[in-house]
């Protein structure tokens, strides 16, 4: 396939089925992302753990990781955020999928590399236009989280603050610093001591 050719959603799905990773479809154009770095992995691991702990007590969402979201058919666009949260009634249909047209209740993006930062404001706007009620953007460089709700003004939570989203996940709380923390099992480097 030529680089200038426009892909359909079905062609994109075929690439995923063949094992392609870290790709998205933007207006028919295939985008290849850098593999996630350690900072990206820390956020996914730490936020995933915090969500799991919260959802055991309040089972209102089921998280899916790297699930392709068909945000538009014309032009064909499939975005793969780090985590998508679906209401339980919808979630079981999504867990075995590579892509979905179901609108999640929560999208979590990690702005860990330049290519993942590119166009992030437009992505948030399009998620909201698509009907996603909450978008959380974790920024490992700035060590902060931006929360975009459907009817509330955007909020920024810094490293020393606690992330809450009472509209989307009542009772959920995560110290922002904990979202970016290295795993406890990671050995400290000699220069850190």
N, C-alpha and C. Protein backbone atom coordinates (compact mmCIF):
# COMPACT_ATOMS: atom_id res chain seq x y z
N UNK A 1 0.84 -1.18 0.00
CA UNK A 1 0.00 0.00 0.00
C UNK A 1 0.89 1.24 0.00
N UNK A 2 0.59 2.19 -0.83
CA UNK A 2 1.36 3.42 -0.91
C UNK A 2 1.07 4.30 0.29
N UNK A 3 2.09 5.06 0.69
CA UNK A 3 1.94 5.95 1.85
C UNK A 3 0.84 6.98 1.63
N UNK A 4 0.60 7.37 0.38
CA UNK A 4 -0.39 8.40 0.09
C UNK A 4 -1.82 7.84 0.04
N UNK A 5 -1.96 6.50 0.03
CA UNK A 5 -3.28 5.90 -0.02
C UNK A 5 -4.02 6.10 1.29
N UNK A 6 -5.31 6.31 1.19
CA UNK A 6 -6.15 6.46 2.37
C UNK A 6 -6.64 5.07 2.80
N UNK A 7 -6.56 4.79 4.08
CA UNK A 7 -7.01 3.51 4.62
C UNK A 7 -8.44 3.59 5.10
N UNK A 8 -9.12 2.46 5.01
CA UNK A 8 -10.45 2.35 5.61
C UNK A 8 -10.29 1.80 7.02
N UNK A 9 -11.35 1.85 7.77
CA UNK A 9 -11.32 1.29 9.12
C UNK A 9 -11.09 -0.22 9.06
N UNK A 10 -11.67 -0.87 8.06
CA UNK A 10 -11.50 -2.31 7.91
C UNK A 10 -10.05 -2.66 7.59
N UNK A 11 -9.38 -1.87 6.76
CA UNK A 11 -7.95 -2.11 6.48
C UNK A 11 -7.10 -1.88 7.73
N UNK A 12 -7.46 -0.88 8.50
CA UNK A 12 -6.75 -0.61 9.75
C UNK A 12 -6.93 -1.78 10.71
N UNK A 13 -8.15 -2.29 10.83
CA UNK A 13 -8.42 -3.44 11.69
C UNK A 13 -7.60 -4.64 11.25
N UNK A 14 -7.46 -4.83 9.96
CA UNK A 14 -6.65 -5.94 9.44
C UNK A 14 -5.20 -5.82 9.91
N UNK A 15 -4.66 -4.60 9.93
CA UNK A 15 -3.29 -4.40 10.42
C UNK A 15 -3.17 -4.78 11.89
N UNK A 16 -4.18 -4.42 12.68
CA UNK A 16 -4.18 -4.79 14.09
C UNK A 16 -4.25 -6.31 14.25
N UNK A 17 -5.07 -6.95 13.44
CA UNK A 17 -5.21 -8.40 13.50
C UNK A 17 -3.91 -9.11 13.11
N UNK A 18 -3.09 -8.45 12.31
CA UNK A 18 -1.80 -9.01 11.91
C UNK A 18 -0.72 -8.75 12.96
N UNK A 19 -1.08 -8.08 14.06
CA UNK A 19 -0.14 -7.86 15.14
C UNK A 19 0.52 -6.50 15.19
N UNK A 20 0.13 -5.58 14.31
CA UNK A 20 0.69 -4.23 14.36
C UNK A 20 0.33 -3.59 15.71
N UNK A 21 1.27 -2.83 16.26
CA UNK A 21 1.04 -2.13 17.53
C UNK A 21 1.45 -0.68 17.37
N UNK A 22 0.93 0.15 18.26
CA UNK A 22 1.27 1.57 18.35
C UNK A 22 0.95 2.31 17.06
N UNK A 23 -0.20 1.97 16.47
CA UNK A 23 -0.65 2.65 15.26
C UNK A 23 -2.03 3.25 15.51
N UNK A 24 -2.34 4.29 14.75
CA UNK A 24 -3.66 4.89 14.76
C UNK A 24 -4.01 5.30 13.34
N UNK A 25 -5.27 5.60 13.15
CA UNK A 25 -5.75 6.06 11.85
C UNK A 25 -6.31 7.46 12.03
N UNK A 26 -5.71 8.44 11.35
CA UNK A 26 -6.14 9.83 11.44
C UNK A 26 -6.60 10.29 10.06
N UNK A 27 -7.90 10.45 9.91
CA UNK A 27 -8.48 10.90 8.64
C UNK A 27 -7.96 10.06 7.47
N UNK A 28 -7.95 8.73 7.67
CA UNK A 28 -7.54 7.80 6.62
C UNK A 28 -6.04 7.59 6.52
N UNK A 29 -5.27 8.37 7.27
CA UNK A 29 -3.80 8.28 7.21
C UNK A 29 -3.28 7.45 8.38
N UNK A 30 -2.44 6.47 8.09
CA UNK A 30 -1.86 5.63 9.12
C UNK A 30 -0.78 6.39 9.87
N UNK A 31 -0.87 6.41 11.18
CA UNK A 31 0.11 7.07 12.04
C UNK A 31 0.79 6.00 12.88
N UNK A 32 2.11 5.98 12.86
CA UNK A 32 2.89 5.05 13.70
C UNK A 32 3.50 5.84 14.85
N UNK A 33 3.21 5.39 16.06
CA UNK A 33 3.76 6.03 17.25
C UNK A 33 5.02 5.31 17.71
N UNK A 34 5.86 6.06 18.41
CA UNK A 34 7.00 5.43 19.08
C UNK A 34 6.46 4.45 20.11
N UNK A 35 7.18 3.35 20.38
CA UNK A 35 6.72 2.49 21.48
C UNK A 35 6.68 3.28 22.77
N UNK A 36 5.76 2.95 23.67
CA UNK A 36 5.67 3.69 24.93
C UNK A 36 6.97 3.59 25.73
N UNK A 37 7.31 4.68 26.40
CA UNK A 37 8.51 4.69 27.23
C UNK A 37 8.15 4.30 28.67
N UNK A 38 9.16 4.30 29.55
CA UNK A 38 8.94 3.91 30.94
C UNK A 38 7.92 4.82 31.64
N UNK A 39 7.97 6.12 31.35
CA UNK A 39 7.03 7.06 31.99
C UNK A 39 5.59 6.72 31.60
N UNK A 40 5.38 6.37 30.35
CA UNK A 40 4.06 5.96 29.86
C UNK A 40 3.60 4.70 30.60
N UNK A 41 4.50 3.73 30.68
CA UNK A 41 4.18 2.48 31.37
C UNK A 41 3.85 2.68 32.83
N UNK A 42 4.59 3.58 33.50
CA UNK A 42 4.31 3.87 34.90
C UNK A 42 2.89 4.41 35.07
N UNK A 43 2.49 5.33 34.21
CA UNK A 43 1.14 5.91 34.32
C UNK A 43 0.08 4.83 34.10
N UNK A 44 0.24 4.04 33.06
CA UNK A 44 -0.76 3.00 32.77
C UNK A 44 -0.83 2.00 33.93
N UNK A 45 0.31 1.58 34.41
CA UNK A 45 0.35 0.61 35.52
C UNK A 45 -0.27 1.21 36.80
N UNK A 46 0.15 2.41 37.16
CA UNK A 46 -0.31 3.02 38.42
C UNK A 46 -1.78 3.43 38.37
N UNK A 47 -2.20 4.01 37.27
CA UNK A 47 -3.60 4.41 37.14
C UNK A 47 -4.48 3.17 37.04
N UNK A 48 -4.02 2.16 36.28
CA UNK A 48 -4.76 0.91 36.18
C UNK A 48 -4.97 0.27 37.54
N UNK A 49 -3.93 0.27 38.37
CA UNK A 49 -4.02 -0.31 39.71
C UNK A 49 -5.00 0.49 40.57
N UNK A 50 -4.92 1.83 40.50
CA UNK A 50 -5.83 2.67 41.29
C UNK A 50 -7.28 2.48 40.84
N UNK A 51 -7.50 2.39 39.53
CA UNK A 51 -8.85 2.14 39.03
C UNK A 51 -9.37 0.79 39.50
N UNK A 52 -8.52 -0.25 39.43
CA UNK A 52 -8.93 -1.59 39.85
C UNK A 52 -9.35 -1.59 41.32
N UNK A 53 -8.56 -0.91 42.15
CA UNK A 53 -8.87 -0.85 43.58
C UNK A 53 -10.21 -0.15 43.80
N UNK A 54 -10.42 0.97 43.14
CA UNK A 54 -11.68 1.71 43.26
C UNK A 54 -12.86 0.89 42.72
N UNK A 55 -12.65 0.25 41.57
CA UNK A 55 -13.76 -0.44 40.91
C UNK A 55 -14.16 -1.74 41.62
N UNK A 56 -13.27 -2.29 42.45
CA UNK A 56 -13.67 -3.45 43.26
C UNK A 56 -14.77 -3.06 44.24
N UNK A 57 -14.70 -1.85 44.76
CA UNK A 57 -15.70 -1.37 45.72
C UNK A 57 -16.90 -0.71 45.02
N UNK A 58 -16.64 -0.11 43.87
CA UNK A 58 -17.67 0.62 43.13
C UNK A 58 -17.63 0.18 41.66
N UNK A 59 -18.19 -0.97 41.35
CA UNK A 59 -18.06 -1.51 39.99
C UNK A 59 -18.95 -0.82 38.96
N UNK A 60 -18.54 0.40 38.60
CA UNK A 60 -19.34 1.13 37.61
C UNK A 60 -18.71 1.17 36.23
N UNK A 61 -17.42 0.93 36.14
CA UNK A 61 -16.71 0.95 34.85
C UNK A 61 -15.83 -0.28 34.71
N UNK A 62 -15.55 -0.63 33.47
CA UNK A 62 -14.55 -1.66 33.18
C UNK A 62 -13.52 -1.04 32.25
N UNK A 63 -12.25 -1.06 32.63
CA UNK A 63 -11.23 -0.46 31.78
C UNK A 63 -10.76 -1.41 30.67
N UNK A 64 -10.49 -0.85 29.52
CA UNK A 64 -9.88 -1.56 28.39
C UNK A 64 -8.60 -0.80 28.04
N UNK A 65 -7.56 -1.54 27.69
CA UNK A 65 -6.25 -0.95 27.43
C UNK A 65 -5.92 -1.01 25.95
N UNK A 66 -5.51 0.16 25.40
CA UNK A 66 -5.10 0.27 23.99
C UNK A 66 -6.17 -0.19 23.01
N UNK A 67 -7.42 -0.01 23.36
CA UNK A 67 -8.53 -0.37 22.49
C UNK A 67 -8.72 0.74 21.46
N UNK A 68 -8.83 0.38 20.19
CA UNK A 68 -9.05 1.36 19.14
C UNK A 68 -10.47 1.90 19.18
N UNK A 69 -10.59 3.22 19.23
CA UNK A 69 -11.90 3.88 19.25
C UNK A 69 -12.18 4.50 17.90
N UNK A 70 -13.25 4.07 17.26
CA UNK A 70 -13.64 4.62 15.96
C UNK A 70 -14.36 5.93 16.22
N UNK A 71 -13.59 7.02 16.24
CA UNK A 71 -14.16 8.32 16.56
C UNK A 71 -14.83 8.96 15.35
N UNK A 72 -14.53 8.44 14.16
CA UNK A 72 -15.15 8.97 12.95
C UNK A 72 -15.03 7.94 11.82
N UNK A 73 -16.10 7.78 11.05
CA UNK A 73 -16.05 6.92 9.87
C UNK A 73 -15.73 7.75 8.62
N UNK A 74 -16.08 9.03 8.67
CA UNK A 74 -15.81 9.87 7.51
C UNK A 74 -15.36 11.24 8.01
N UNK A 75 -14.06 11.51 8.02
CA UNK A 75 -12.98 10.64 7.55
C UNK A 75 -12.68 9.53 8.55
N UNK A 76 -12.14 8.43 8.06
CA UNK A 76 -11.87 7.26 8.89
C UNK A 76 -10.80 7.58 9.93
N UNK A 77 -11.18 7.54 11.21
CA UNK A 77 -10.25 7.83 12.30
C UNK A 77 -10.46 6.85 13.44
N UNK A 78 -9.36 6.20 13.84
CA UNK A 78 -9.36 5.26 14.97
C UNK A 78 -8.22 5.67 15.87
N UNK A 79 -8.55 6.06 17.09
CA UNK A 79 -7.54 6.46 18.06
C UNK A 79 -7.44 5.41 19.14
N UNK A 80 -6.26 5.20 19.65
CA UNK A 80 -6.00 4.15 20.64
C UNK A 80 -5.44 4.76 21.92
N UNK A 81 -6.31 5.29 22.78
CA UNK A 81 -5.82 5.85 24.04
C UNK A 81 -5.29 4.75 24.95
N UNK A 82 -4.53 5.14 25.95
CA UNK A 82 -3.95 4.17 26.87
C UNK A 82 -5.04 3.34 27.57
N UNK A 83 -6.08 4.02 28.06
CA UNK A 83 -7.17 3.34 28.78
C UNK A 83 -8.50 3.95 28.35
N UNK A 84 -9.49 3.09 28.15
CA UNK A 84 -10.87 3.52 27.92
C UNK A 84 -11.72 2.82 28.95
N UNK A 85 -12.64 3.56 29.57
CA UNK A 85 -13.52 2.97 30.57
C UNK A 85 -14.94 2.93 30.05
N UNK A 86 -15.54 1.74 30.13
CA UNK A 86 -16.91 1.54 29.64
C UNK A 86 -17.82 1.17 30.80
N UNK A 87 -19.04 1.67 30.76
CA UNK A 87 -20.04 1.27 31.75
C UNK A 87 -20.19 -0.24 31.67
N UNK A 88 -20.48 -0.87 32.78
CA UNK A 88 -20.51 -2.34 32.85
C UNK A 88 -21.44 -2.96 31.83
N UNK A 89 -22.58 -2.35 31.56
CA UNK A 89 -23.52 -2.92 30.60
C UNK A 89 -22.89 -3.04 29.21
N UNK A 90 -21.94 -2.14 28.89
CA UNK A 90 -21.31 -2.13 27.56
C UNK A 90 -19.98 -2.87 27.55
N UNK A 91 -19.37 -3.04 28.71
CA UNK A 91 -17.96 -3.43 28.77
C UNK A 91 -17.66 -4.82 28.27
N UNK A 92 -18.52 -5.79 28.53
CA UNK A 92 -18.19 -7.15 28.17
C UNK A 92 -18.12 -7.34 26.66
N UNK A 93 -18.88 -6.56 25.92
CA UNK A 93 -18.81 -6.63 24.47
C UNK A 93 -17.49 -6.06 23.96
N UNK A 94 -16.84 -5.20 24.75
CA UNK A 94 -15.63 -4.52 24.29
C UNK A 94 -14.34 -5.26 24.63
N UNK A 95 -14.36 -6.11 25.63
CA UNK A 95 -13.10 -6.68 26.13
C UNK A 95 -12.36 -7.55 25.12
N UNK A 96 -13.04 -8.17 24.19
CA UNK A 96 -12.38 -9.02 23.20
C UNK A 96 -12.18 -8.33 21.85
N UNK A 97 -12.45 -7.05 21.78
CA UNK A 97 -12.36 -6.32 20.52
C UNK A 97 -11.00 -5.66 20.35
N UNK A 98 -10.62 -5.38 19.10
CA UNK A 98 -9.44 -4.57 18.81
C UNK A 98 -9.85 -3.13 18.56
N UNK A 99 -11.08 -2.93 18.04
CA UNK A 99 -11.64 -1.59 17.84
C UNK A 99 -13.12 -1.62 18.22
N UNK A 100 -13.66 -0.46 18.52
CA UNK A 100 -15.07 -0.35 18.86
C UNK A 100 -15.63 0.99 18.40
N UNK A 101 -16.93 0.98 18.16
CA UNK A 101 -17.64 2.23 17.87
C UNK A 101 -18.46 2.67 19.08
N UNK A 102 -18.41 1.91 20.16
CA UNK A 102 -19.10 2.28 21.39
C UNK A 102 -18.36 3.43 22.07
N UNK A 103 -19.08 4.45 22.45
CA UNK A 103 -18.47 5.61 23.11
C UNK A 103 -18.18 5.26 24.57
N UNK A 104 -16.92 5.36 25.00
CA UNK A 104 -16.60 5.07 26.40
C UNK A 104 -17.05 6.21 27.31
N UNK A 105 -17.13 5.90 28.60
CA UNK A 105 -17.47 6.93 29.59
C UNK A 105 -16.25 7.71 30.04
N UNK A 106 -15.06 7.11 29.85
CA UNK A 106 -13.82 7.74 30.27
C UNK A 106 -12.72 7.36 29.29
N UNK A 107 -11.93 8.35 28.87
CA UNK A 107 -10.74 8.11 28.05
C UNK A 107 -9.55 8.67 28.81
N UNK A 108 -8.49 7.87 28.88
CA UNK A 108 -7.26 8.30 29.54
C UNK A 108 -6.14 8.28 28.52
N UNK A 109 -5.57 9.45 28.26
CA UNK A 109 -4.45 9.61 27.34
C UNK A 109 -3.19 9.88 28.16
N UNK A 110 -2.04 9.43 27.65
CA UNK A 110 -0.76 9.70 28.28
C UNK A 110 0.11 10.44 27.27
N UNK A 111 0.42 11.70 27.57
CA UNK A 111 1.23 12.54 26.68
C UNK A 111 2.70 12.31 27.00
N UNK A 112 3.17 11.10 26.73
CA UNK A 112 4.51 10.71 27.16
C UNK A 112 5.60 10.98 26.13
N UNK A 113 5.24 11.08 24.87
CA UNK A 113 6.24 11.33 23.83
C UNK A 113 5.71 12.45 22.93
N UNK A 114 6.61 13.06 22.16
CA UNK A 114 6.19 14.16 21.28
C UNK A 114 5.10 13.74 20.31
N UNK A 115 5.21 12.53 19.75
CA UNK A 115 4.18 12.12 18.80
C UNK A 115 2.83 11.87 19.48
N UNK A 116 2.83 11.55 20.76
CA UNK A 116 1.56 11.38 21.48
C UNK A 116 1.01 12.73 21.94
N UNK A 117 1.84 13.76 22.02
CA UNK A 117 1.39 15.11 22.39
C UNK A 117 0.77 15.84 21.19
N UNK A 118 1.27 15.52 20.01
CA UNK A 118 0.85 16.22 18.80
C UNK A 118 -0.66 16.12 18.61
N UNK A 119 -1.32 17.24 18.51
CA UNK A 119 -2.76 17.27 18.25
C UNK A 119 -3.63 16.86 19.42
N UNK A 120 -3.07 16.85 20.63
CA UNK A 120 -3.82 16.36 21.79
C UNK A 120 -5.04 17.23 22.10
N UNK A 121 -4.92 18.53 21.96
CA UNK A 121 -6.07 19.41 22.22
C UNK A 121 -7.22 19.09 21.25
N UNK A 122 -6.88 18.85 19.99
CA UNK A 122 -7.91 18.50 19.01
C UNK A 122 -8.52 17.14 19.33
N UNK A 123 -7.70 16.20 19.81
CA UNK A 123 -8.22 14.88 20.19
C UNK A 123 -9.25 15.03 21.31
N UNK A 124 -8.92 15.83 22.31
CA UNK A 124 -9.85 16.04 23.43
C UNK A 124 -11.16 16.62 22.91
N UNK A 125 -11.06 17.62 22.04
CA UNK A 125 -12.28 18.23 21.47
C UNK A 125 -13.10 17.18 20.71
N UNK A 126 -12.42 16.34 19.94
CA UNK A 126 -13.15 15.34 19.16
C UNK A 126 -13.74 14.26 20.07
N UNK A 127 -13.03 13.86 21.10
CA UNK A 127 -13.62 12.91 22.06
C UNK A 127 -14.90 13.51 22.64
N UNK A 128 -14.84 14.78 23.02
CA UNK A 128 -16.01 15.42 23.62
C UNK A 128 -17.15 15.53 22.60
N UNK A 129 -16.83 15.89 21.36
CA UNK A 129 -17.86 15.98 20.31
C UNK A 129 -18.47 14.61 20.04
N UNK A 130 -17.68 13.56 20.19
CA UNK A 130 -18.15 12.19 19.99
C UNK A 130 -19.06 11.74 21.13
N UNK A 131 -18.99 12.43 22.28
CA UNK A 131 -19.86 12.13 23.39
C UNK A 131 -19.18 11.53 24.61
N UNK A 132 -17.84 11.52 24.64
CA UNK A 132 -17.12 11.00 25.80
C UNK A 132 -17.29 12.00 26.95
N UNK A 133 -17.87 11.58 28.08
CA UNK A 133 -18.12 12.53 29.16
C UNK A 133 -16.88 13.01 29.91
N UNK A 134 -15.81 12.19 29.93
CA UNK A 134 -14.61 12.59 30.68
C UNK A 134 -13.35 12.13 29.96
N UNK A 135 -12.38 13.04 29.86
CA UNK A 135 -11.07 12.73 29.28
C UNK A 135 -10.02 13.18 30.29
N UNK A 136 -9.14 12.26 30.65
CA UNK A 136 -8.02 12.57 31.55
C UNK A 136 -6.75 12.50 30.72
N UNK A 137 -5.92 13.53 30.79
CA UNK A 137 -4.65 13.54 30.07
C UNK A 137 -3.52 13.63 31.11
N UNK A 138 -2.72 12.58 31.17
CA UNK A 138 -1.57 12.54 32.08
C UNK A 138 -0.35 13.02 31.33
N UNK A 139 0.37 13.97 31.91
CA UNK A 139 1.56 14.54 31.31
C UNK A 139 2.76 14.22 32.20
N UNK A 140 3.54 13.17 31.88
CA UNK A 140 4.68 12.79 32.71
C UNK A 140 5.76 13.87 32.80
N UNK A 141 5.95 14.68 31.75
CA UNK A 141 6.98 15.72 31.79
C UNK A 141 6.64 16.80 32.80
N UNK A 142 5.41 17.28 32.77
CA UNK A 142 4.97 18.33 33.69
C UNK A 142 4.49 17.75 35.02
N UNK A 143 4.33 16.44 35.08
CA UNK A 143 3.83 15.74 36.27
C UNK A 143 2.50 16.35 36.71
N UNK A 144 1.57 16.37 35.76
CA UNK A 144 0.24 16.88 36.05
C UNK A 144 -0.79 16.14 35.21
N UNK A 145 -2.05 16.28 35.63
CA UNK A 145 -3.17 15.65 34.94
C UNK A 145 -4.18 16.72 34.60
N UNK A 146 -4.68 16.67 33.37
CA UNK A 146 -5.74 17.58 32.94
C UNK A 146 -7.02 16.77 32.78
N UNK A 147 -8.09 17.25 33.41
CA UNK A 147 -9.38 16.56 33.37
C UNK A 147 -10.36 17.43 32.61
N UNK A 148 -10.94 16.83 31.57
CA UNK A 148 -11.91 17.52 30.72
C UNK A 148 -13.24 16.81 30.88
N UNK A 149 -14.24 17.54 31.41
CA UNK A 149 -15.57 16.98 31.60
C UNK A 149 -16.53 17.53 30.58
N UNK A 150 -17.69 16.91 30.50
CA UNK A 150 -18.68 17.32 29.52
C UNK A 150 -19.26 18.70 29.82
N UNK A 151 -19.48 18.99 31.10
CA UNK A 151 -20.14 20.26 31.42
C UNK A 151 -19.33 21.14 32.38
N UNK A 152 -18.20 20.63 32.87
CA UNK A 152 -17.38 21.41 33.79
C UNK A 152 -16.21 22.04 33.05
N UNK A 153 -15.67 23.14 33.57
CA UNK A 153 -14.45 23.68 32.96
C UNK A 153 -13.28 22.71 33.19
N UNK A 154 -12.28 22.73 32.32
CA UNK A 154 -11.13 21.83 32.51
C UNK A 154 -10.46 22.08 33.85
N UNK A 155 -9.92 21.01 34.42
CA UNK A 155 -9.20 21.11 35.69
C UNK A 155 -7.79 20.59 35.50
N UNK A 156 -6.86 21.18 36.26
CA UNK A 156 -5.48 20.71 36.25
C UNK A 156 -5.10 20.30 37.67
N UNK A 157 -4.56 19.10 37.78
CA UNK A 157 -4.09 18.58 39.06
C UNK A 157 -2.58 18.42 38.97
N UNK A 158 -1.87 19.07 39.89
CA UNK A 158 -0.40 19.03 39.87
C UNK A 158 0.11 17.90 40.75
N UNK A 159 1.41 17.71 40.67
CA UNK A 159 2.12 16.61 41.33
C UNK A 159 1.77 16.45 42.81
N UNK A 160 1.59 17.55 43.53
CA UNK A 160 1.32 17.50 44.97
C UNK A 160 -0.17 17.41 45.30
N UNK A 161 -1.03 17.36 44.27
CA UNK A 161 -2.47 17.35 44.49
C UNK A 161 -3.04 15.93 44.30
N UNK A 162 -4.33 15.81 44.55
CA UNK A 162 -5.03 14.53 44.39
C UNK A 162 -6.05 14.65 43.27
N UNK A 163 -5.95 13.73 42.31
CA UNK A 163 -6.89 13.68 41.18
C UNK A 163 -8.22 13.13 41.67
N UNK A 164 -9.28 13.87 41.41
CA UNK A 164 -10.65 13.42 41.66
C UNK A 164 -11.49 13.79 40.45
N UNK A 165 -12.48 12.99 40.17
CA UNK A 165 -13.45 13.29 39.11
C UNK A 165 -14.80 12.83 39.63
N UNK A 166 -15.39 13.65 40.49
CA UNK A 166 -16.64 13.29 41.16
C UNK A 166 -17.77 13.05 40.17
N UNK A 167 -17.75 13.73 39.03
CA UNK A 167 -18.82 13.55 38.05
C UNK A 167 -18.74 12.18 37.40
N UNK A 168 -17.54 11.70 37.13
CA UNK A 168 -17.37 10.44 36.40
C UNK A 168 -17.16 9.25 37.33
N UNK A 169 -16.32 9.41 38.34
CA UNK A 169 -16.00 8.32 39.26
C UNK A 169 -16.11 8.82 40.71
N UNK A 170 -17.32 8.95 41.23
CA UNK A 170 -17.47 9.42 42.60
C UNK A 170 -16.68 8.54 43.58
N UNK A 171 -15.92 9.20 44.45
CA UNK A 171 -15.13 8.47 45.44
C UNK A 171 -13.73 8.08 44.98
N UNK A 172 -13.45 8.22 43.71
CA UNK A 172 -12.11 7.89 43.22
C UNK A 172 -11.14 9.01 43.59
N UNK A 173 -9.97 8.64 44.07
CA UNK A 173 -8.93 9.62 44.39
C UNK A 173 -7.57 8.99 44.14
N UNK A 174 -6.66 9.75 43.54
CA UNK A 174 -5.31 9.28 43.26
C UNK A 174 -4.35 10.45 43.41
N UNK A 175 -3.37 10.31 44.29
CA UNK A 175 -2.32 11.34 44.38
C UNK A 175 -1.61 11.39 43.04
N UNK A 176 -1.53 12.55 42.46
CA UNK A 176 -0.92 12.70 41.14
C UNK A 176 0.51 12.17 41.14
N UNK A 177 1.27 12.44 42.18
CA UNK A 177 2.64 11.94 42.25
C UNK A 177 2.68 10.42 42.15
N UNK A 178 1.68 9.74 42.71
CA UNK A 178 1.63 8.27 42.64
C UNK A 178 1.41 7.77 41.22
N UNK A 179 0.73 8.55 40.40
CA UNK A 179 0.50 8.14 39.01
C UNK A 179 1.80 8.06 38.22
N UNK A 180 2.77 8.88 38.58
CA UNK A 180 4.03 8.94 37.84
C UNK A 180 5.17 8.17 38.50
N UNK A 181 4.90 7.55 39.64
CA UNK A 181 5.95 6.89 40.43
C UNK A 181 6.51 5.66 39.73
N UNK A 182 7.82 5.45 39.90
CA UNK A 182 8.44 4.21 39.44
C UNK A 182 7.92 3.07 40.29
N UNK A 183 7.83 1.87 39.72
CA UNK A 183 7.37 0.73 40.53
C UNK A 183 8.34 0.46 41.68
N UNK A 184 7.80 0.01 42.80
CA UNK A 184 8.64 -0.27 43.98
C UNK A 184 9.66 -1.36 43.72
N UNK A 185 9.37 -2.27 42.79
CA UNK A 185 10.27 -3.37 42.50
C UNK A 185 11.46 -2.94 41.62
N UNK A 186 11.40 -1.74 41.06
CA UNK A 186 12.50 -1.26 40.20
C UNK A 186 13.69 -0.89 41.06
N UNK A 187 14.86 -1.50 40.82
CA UNK A 187 16.02 -1.17 41.65
C UNK A 187 16.45 0.29 41.47
N UNK A 188 16.84 0.90 42.57
CA UNK A 188 17.34 2.29 42.52
C UNK A 188 18.71 2.30 41.83
N UNK A 189 18.93 3.28 41.01
CA UNK A 189 20.22 3.43 40.35
C UNK A 189 21.23 3.99 41.35
N UNK A 190 22.49 3.69 41.17
CA UNK A 190 23.54 4.14 42.08
C UNK A 190 23.55 5.67 42.20
N UNK A 191 23.23 6.36 41.11
CA UNK A 191 23.24 7.83 41.13
C UNK A 191 22.08 8.41 41.94
N UNK A 192 21.03 7.59 42.21
CA UNK A 192 19.88 8.05 42.98
C UNK A 192 20.16 8.05 44.47
N UNK A 193 21.17 7.34 44.92
CA UNK A 193 21.37 7.23 46.36
C UNK A 193 22.26 8.29 46.93
